[in-house]
Each structure stands twice: as structure tokens, then as C-alpha cells.
Amino acid sequence: MKDGLRDVTASARIRIDREGRWYYNDAEIVNPMVLRTFFNALTRDDHGRYCLVIEPEICYVEVEDTPLVVSCIRGEPDTGLFLRLNNLETYPLDPSRLSIGDANVLYYTLPDGMKVRFSRQAYYSLALMMEELDGSIVLTIAGKPHPICPAE
């Protein structure tokens, strides 16, 4: 535990489901200001566990897969695509950062190295733009085909 912080995990069970929805004691958190505060306070401890640090308290967060999730896709394959995350940040899609994980779950690696999962909605939106070519799944952006590799 981080020095000098009071651990409130036992009384404030916070979790993020695989679709990127946040819950407090099993009630979904929908207030955008609370969500923004939590996203800004989210960090990882020395053991890789996710936690919220809002001094003087710390609360460990149960994360089903990844805390950040691609919530939707913007743009057109002919000109370029953008990923909108559940924290409301937007990133240009670099197809080389896409990967397919277990159970065909689609992931994207952000420039800082953090892996984010695609929500079902975002996955299906992008899947409609993909095709199978010579046994590989391919996304064509601006006329250039990009094979999607298995996750490592």
C-alpha cells in the first residue's frame, strides 16, 4: 500500500467490467464528473494492481480485463479512423497497434504501451470494415491493407 494512505477498498468496492463500465458496490457509476475524477485518479501499484488514489485514501479497483475500453470508432477507412475511449480521449487508429486476443477479442495498444479492449459496439463497427484475405484478417485504411496479428 502507498505510504500514508488509508485503504478504503473493503467499504467501497469499485470495479470496471469488460465493457468499460464502472461500478460502486454493484451500482453503475454514470455521473460524468465522478467518472472523470476516477479516470484521473486511476493508477497501478508496484504489483500491477489498479487503484484509485484520492488523498488521503486509496481504493483498489477490480478490473475484468482493461480499465480503458474503445467505446466507438469515428471516421472513414478511406481517410482514416479514430478510436474514442471510455475516458473520452480520442486517438488516431494505427492499424499496426491492433491485435486479436483469446476468444477473438480485439485490442489496441496505446502509444504509452497500455492495452485497451474494444467494446462489443466498437468491435462490430470495425469488423464491418475488415475482410479475410489469404487466411488473415485485414483492415484496409487509405487503400493500404493491414493484417491484424494475434495478441502476444
C-alpha atoms as a PDB file:
ATOM      1  CA  MET A   1       0.000   0.000   0.000  1.00  0.00           C
ATOM      2  CA  LYS A   2       1.182   3.523  -0.736  1.00  0.00           C
ATOM      3  CA  ASP A   3       2.637   5.273   2.287  1.00  0.00           C
ATOM      4  CA  GLY A   4       0.273   7.321   4.425  1.00  0.00           C
ATOM      5  CA  LEU A   5      -2.894   6.429   2.534  1.00  0.00           C
ATOM      6  CA  ARG A   6      -5.923   4.870   4.187  1.00  0.00           C
ATOM      7  CA  ASP A   7      -7.168   1.796   2.298  1.00  0.00           C
ATOM      8  CA  VAL A   8     -10.964   2.045   1.837  1.00  0.00           C
ATOM      9  CA  THR A   9     -11.290  -0.938  -0.522  1.00  0.00           C
ATOM     10  CA  ALA A  10     -13.324  -3.029   1.941  1.00  0.00           C
ATOM     11  CA  SER A  11     -16.049  -0.379   2.257  1.00  0.00           C
ATOM     12  CA  ALA A  12     -16.014   0.905  -1.333  1.00  0.00           C
ATOM     13  CA  ARG A  13     -15.959  -1.971  -3.799  1.00  0.00           C
ATOM     14  CA  ILE A  14     -15.179  -0.436  -7.192  1.00  0.00           C
ATOM     15  CA  ARG A  15     -14.896  -2.451 -10.359  1.00  0.00           C
ATOM     16  CA  ILE A  16     -14.665  -1.969 -14.115  1.00  0.00           C
ATOM     17  CA  ASP A  17     -16.370  -4.578 -16.269  1.00  0.00           C
ATOM     18  CA  ARG A  18     -15.036  -5.822 -19.597  1.00  0.00           C
ATOM     19  CA  GLU A  19     -17.165  -3.268 -21.465  1.00  0.00           C
ATOM     20  CA  GLY A  20     -15.551  -0.391 -19.531  1.00  0.00           C
ATOM     21  CA  ARG A  21     -18.486   0.349 -17.232  1.00  0.00           C
ATOM     22  CA  TRP A  22     -17.602   1.404 -13.691  1.00  0.00           C
ATOM     23  CA  TYR A  23     -19.485   0.138 -10.613  1.00  0.00           C
ATOM     24  CA  TYR A  24     -19.533   1.198  -6.985  1.00  0.00           C
ATOM     25  CA  ASN A  25     -20.888  -1.583  -4.722  1.00  0.00           C
ATOM     26  CA  ASP A  26     -22.621  -3.087  -7.810  1.00  0.00           C
ATOM     27  CA  ALA A  27     -24.369   0.154  -8.823  1.00  0.00           C
ATOM     28  CA  GLU A  28     -23.201   1.524 -12.174  1.00  0.00           C
ATOM     29  CA  ILE A  29     -21.453   4.881 -11.979  1.00  0.00           C
ATOM     30  CA  VAL A  30     -22.896   7.155 -14.664  1.00  0.00           C
ATOM     31  CA  ASN A  31     -22.063  10.653 -13.384  1.00  0.00           C
ATOM     32  CA  PRO A  32     -19.519  12.035 -15.891  1.00  0.00           C
ATOM     33  CA  MET A  33     -17.758  14.148 -13.256  1.00  0.00           C
ATOM     34  CA  VAL A  34     -17.251  11.135 -10.975  1.00  0.00           C
ATOM     35  CA  LEU A  35     -16.019   9.061 -13.907  1.00  0.00           C
ATOM     36  CA  ARG A  36     -13.572  11.790 -14.976  1.00  0.00           C
ATOM     37  CA  THR A  37     -12.275  12.056 -11.397  1.00  0.00           C
ATOM     38  CA  PHE A  38     -11.830   8.289 -11.193  1.00  0.00           C
ATOM     39  CA  PHE A  39     -10.071   8.063 -14.565  1.00  0.00           C
ATOM     40  CA  ASN A  40      -7.694  10.838 -13.490  1.00  0.00           C
ATOM     41  CA  ALA A  41      -7.016   9.102 -10.154  1.00  0.00           C
ATOM     42  CA  LEU A  42      -6.541   5.620 -11.622  1.00  0.00           C
ATOM     43  CA  THR A  43      -3.018   4.258 -11.300  1.00  0.00           C
ATOM     44  CA  ARG A  44      -1.192   0.976 -10.805  1.00  0.00           C
ATOM     45  CA  ASP A  45       0.711  -0.028  -7.702  1.00  0.00           C
ATOM     46  CA  ASP A  46       4.115  -1.744  -7.621  1.00  0.00           C
ATOM     47  CA  HIS A  47       2.390  -5.135  -8.016  1.00  0.00           C
ATOM     48  CA  GLY A  48       0.428  -4.102 -11.125  1.00  0.00           C
ATOM     49  CA  ARG A  49      -2.913  -3.777  -9.321  1.00  0.00           C
ATOM     50  CA  TYR A  50      -5.189  -0.920 -10.358  1.00  0.00           C
ATOM     51  CA  CYS A  51      -6.145   1.557  -7.681  1.00  0.00           C
ATOM     52  CA  LEU A  52      -7.713   4.951  -7.195  1.00  0.00           C
ATOM     53  CA  VAL A  53      -5.588   7.348  -5.216  1.00  0.00           C
ATOM     54  CA  ILE A  54      -7.524  10.345  -3.943  1.00  0.00           C
ATOM     55  CA  GLU A  55      -5.576  11.545  -0.949  1.00  0.00           C
ATOM     56  CA  PRO A  56      -5.764  10.641   1.850  1.00  0.00           C
ATOM     57  CA  GLU A  57      -7.400   7.430   0.557  1.00  0.00           C
ATOM     58  CA  ILE A  58      -6.601   4.549  -1.739  1.00  0.00           C
ATOM     59  CA  CYS A  59      -9.105   2.077  -3.159  1.00  0.00           C
ATOM     60  CA  TYR A  60      -8.112  -0.975  -5.173  1.00  0.00           C
ATOM     61  CA  VAL A  61     -10.195  -1.487  -8.294  1.00  0.00           C
ATOM     62  CA  GLU A  62     -11.234  -4.848  -9.694  1.00  0.00           C
ATOM     63  CA  VAL A  63     -10.689  -4.746 -13.464  1.00  0.00           C
ATOM     64  CA  GLU A  64     -12.204  -7.556 -15.551  1.00  0.00           C
ATOM     65  CA  ASP A  65      -9.855  -7.007 -18.492  1.00  0.00           C
ATOM     66  CA  THR A  66      -8.602  -3.483 -19.206  1.00  0.00           C
ATOM     67  CA  PRO A  67      -9.658  -0.244 -17.476  1.00  0.00           C
ATOM     68  CA  LEU A  68      -9.718   1.642 -20.764  1.00  0.00           C
ATOM     69  CA  VAL A  69     -12.039   0.421 -23.490  1.00  0.00           C
ATOM     70  CA  VAL A  70     -12.568   1.566 -27.070  1.00  0.00           C
ATOM     71  CA  SER A  71     -16.185   2.684 -26.944  1.00  0.00           C
ATOM     72  CA  CYS A  72     -16.656   3.728 -30.581  1.00  0.00           C
ATOM     73  CA  ILE A  73     -14.963   4.242 -33.935  1.00  0.00           C
ATOM     74  CA  ARG A  74     -15.066   7.552 -35.837  1.00  0.00           C
ATOM     75  CA  GLY A  75     -14.020   8.408 -39.376  1.00  0.00           C
ATOM     76  CA  GLU A  76     -13.888   6.507 -42.650  1.00  0.00           C
ATOM     77  CA  PRO A  77     -11.469   3.807 -43.820  1.00  0.00           C
ATOM     78  CA  ASP A  78     -10.690   5.845 -46.945  1.00  0.00           C
ATOM     79  CA  THR A  79      -9.408   8.825 -44.972  1.00  0.00           C
ATOM     80  CA  GLY A  80      -8.548   7.471 -41.513  1.00  0.00           C
ATOM     81  CA  LEU A  81     -10.184   6.184 -38.359  1.00  0.00           C
ATOM     82  CA  PHE A  82     -10.210   7.392 -34.767  1.00  0.00           C
ATOM     83  CA  LEU A  83     -10.785   5.485 -31.545  1.00  0.00           C
ATOM     84  CA  ARG A  84     -12.901   7.023 -28.797  1.00  0.00           C
ATOM     85  CA  LEU A  85     -12.162   5.561 -25.362  1.00  0.00           C
ATOM     86  CA  ASN A  86     -14.439   5.289 -22.345  1.00  0.00           C
ATOM     87  CA  ASN A  87     -12.415   8.094 -20.694  1.00  0.00           C
ATOM     88  CA  LEU A  88     -13.495  10.335 -23.636  1.00  0.00           C
ATOM     89  CA  GLU A  89      -9.986  10.555 -25.130  1.00  0.00           C
ATOM     90  CA  THR A  90      -9.629  10.120 -28.892  1.00  0.00           C
ATOM     91  CA  TYR A  91      -6.690   8.536 -30.720  1.00  0.00           C
ATOM     92  CA  PRO A  92      -5.977   8.143 -34.428  1.00  0.00           C
ATOM     93  CA  LEU A  93      -6.119   4.442 -35.261  1.00  0.00           C
ATOM     94  CA  ASP A  94      -2.745   2.977 -36.221  1.00  0.00           C
ATOM     95  CA  PRO A  95      -3.615  -0.491 -37.596  1.00  0.00           C
ATOM     96  CA  SER A  96      -0.204  -1.863 -36.553  1.00  0.00           C
ATOM     97  CA  ARG A  97      -1.319  -1.454 -32.922  1.00  0.00           C
ATOM     98  CA  LEU A  98      -4.356  -3.749 -33.302  1.00  0.00           C
ATOM     99  CA  SER A  99      -4.251  -7.356 -32.127  1.00  0.00           C
ATOM    100  CA  ILE A 100      -6.678 -10.222 -31.697  1.00  0.00           C
ATOM    101  CA  GLY A 101      -6.700 -11.923 -28.281  1.00  0.00           C
ATOM    102  CA  ASP A 102      -8.356 -15.001 -26.822  1.00  0.00           C
ATOM    103  CA  ALA A 103     -11.967 -15.575 -27.899  1.00  0.00           C
ATOM    104  CA  ASN A 104     -11.349 -13.153 -30.813  1.00  0.00           C
ATOM    105  CA  VAL A 105     -11.320 -10.111 -28.502  1.00  0.00           C
ATOM    106  CA  LEU A 106      -9.846  -7.102 -30.292  1.00  0.00           C
ATOM    107  CA  TYR A 107      -7.228  -4.981 -28.506  1.00  0.00           C
ATOM    108  CA  TYR A 108      -5.353  -1.798 -29.283  1.00  0.00           C
ATOM    109  CA  THR A 109      -2.051  -0.715 -27.763  1.00  0.00           C
ATOM    110  CA  LEU A 110      -1.937   2.999 -26.963  1.00  0.00           C
ATOM    111  CA  PRO A 111       1.250   4.995 -27.630  1.00  0.00           C
ATOM    112  CA  ASP A 112       2.157   4.753 -23.912  1.00  0.00           C
ATOM    113  CA  GLY A 113       2.033   0.930 -24.124  1.00  0.00           C
ATOM    114  CA  MET A 114      -1.298   0.429 -22.322  1.00  0.00           C
ATOM    115  CA  LYS A 115      -3.508  -2.218 -23.891  1.00  0.00           C
ATOM    116  CA  VAL A 116      -7.197  -1.349 -24.316  1.00  0.00           C
ATOM    117  CA  ARG A 117     -10.040  -3.700 -25.163  1.00  0.00           C
ATOM    118  CA  PHE A 118     -12.660  -2.972 -27.798  1.00  0.00           C
ATOM    119  CA  SER A 119     -16.258  -2.811 -26.595  1.00  0.00           C
ATOM    120  CA  ARG A 120     -18.679  -5.002 -28.498  1.00  0.00           C
ATOM    121  CA  GLN A 121     -20.100  -1.986 -30.297  1.00  0.00           C
ATOM    122  CA  ALA A 122     -16.666  -0.745 -31.387  1.00  0.00           C
ATOM    123  CA  TYR A 123     -15.566  -4.264 -32.330  1.00  0.00           C
ATOM    124  CA  TYR A 124     -18.586  -4.785 -34.587  1.00  0.00           C
ATOM    125  CA  SER A 125     -18.146  -1.337 -36.160  1.00  0.00           C
ATOM    126  CA  LEU A 126     -14.529  -2.109 -37.033  1.00  0.00           C
ATOM    127  CA  ALA A 127     -15.277  -5.730 -38.014  1.00  0.00           C
ATOM    128  CA  LEU A 128     -17.598  -4.460 -40.747  1.00  0.00           C
ATOM    129  CA  MET A 129     -14.551  -2.723 -42.255  1.00  0.00           C
ATOM    130  CA  MET A 130     -12.328  -5.822 -42.103  1.00  0.00           C
ATOM    131  CA  GLU A 131     -12.062  -8.712 -44.504  1.00  0.00           C
ATOM    132  CA  GLU A 132     -10.372 -12.065 -44.671  1.00  0.00           C
ATOM    133  CA  LEU A 133      -7.515 -12.197 -47.156  1.00  0.00           C
ATOM    134  CA  ASP A 134      -5.325 -15.284 -47.618  1.00  0.00           C
ATOM    135  CA  GLY A 135      -6.315 -16.605 -44.177  1.00  0.00           C
ATOM    136  CA  SER A 136      -5.582 -13.321 -42.377  1.00  0.00           C
ATOM    137  CA  ILE A 137      -7.924 -10.663 -41.045  1.00  0.00           C
ATOM    138  CA  VAL A 138      -7.120  -7.404 -42.839  1.00  0.00           C
ATOM    139  CA  LEU A 139      -8.164  -3.784 -42.253  1.00  0.00           C
ATOM    140  CA  THR A 140      -7.678  -1.507 -45.252  1.00  0.00           C
ATOM    141  CA  ILE A 141      -7.026   2.139 -44.420  1.00  0.00           C
ATOM    142  CA  ALA A 142      -6.477   4.729 -47.154  1.00  0.00           C
ATOM    143  CA  GLY A 143      -6.140   1.931 -49.701  1.00  0.00           C
ATOM    144  CA  LYS A 144      -3.413   0.064 -47.787  1.00  0.00           C
ATOM    145  CA  PRO A 145      -4.200  -3.376 -46.311  1.00  0.00           C
ATOM    146  CA  HIS A 146      -3.064  -4.033 -42.726  1.00  0.00           C
ATOM    147  CA  PRO A 147      -3.165  -7.593 -41.356  1.00  0.00           C
ATOM    148  CA  ILE A 148      -4.347  -7.860 -37.755  1.00  0.00           C
ATOM    149  CA  CYS A 149      -1.976 -10.038 -35.710  1.00  0.00           C
ATOM    150  CA  PRO A 150      -2.757 -12.314 -32.754  1.00  0.00           C
ATOM    151  CA  ALA A 151      -2.096 -10.735 -29.344  1.00  0.00           C
ATOM    152  CA  GLU A 152       1.196 -11.645 -27.709  1.00  0.00           C
END
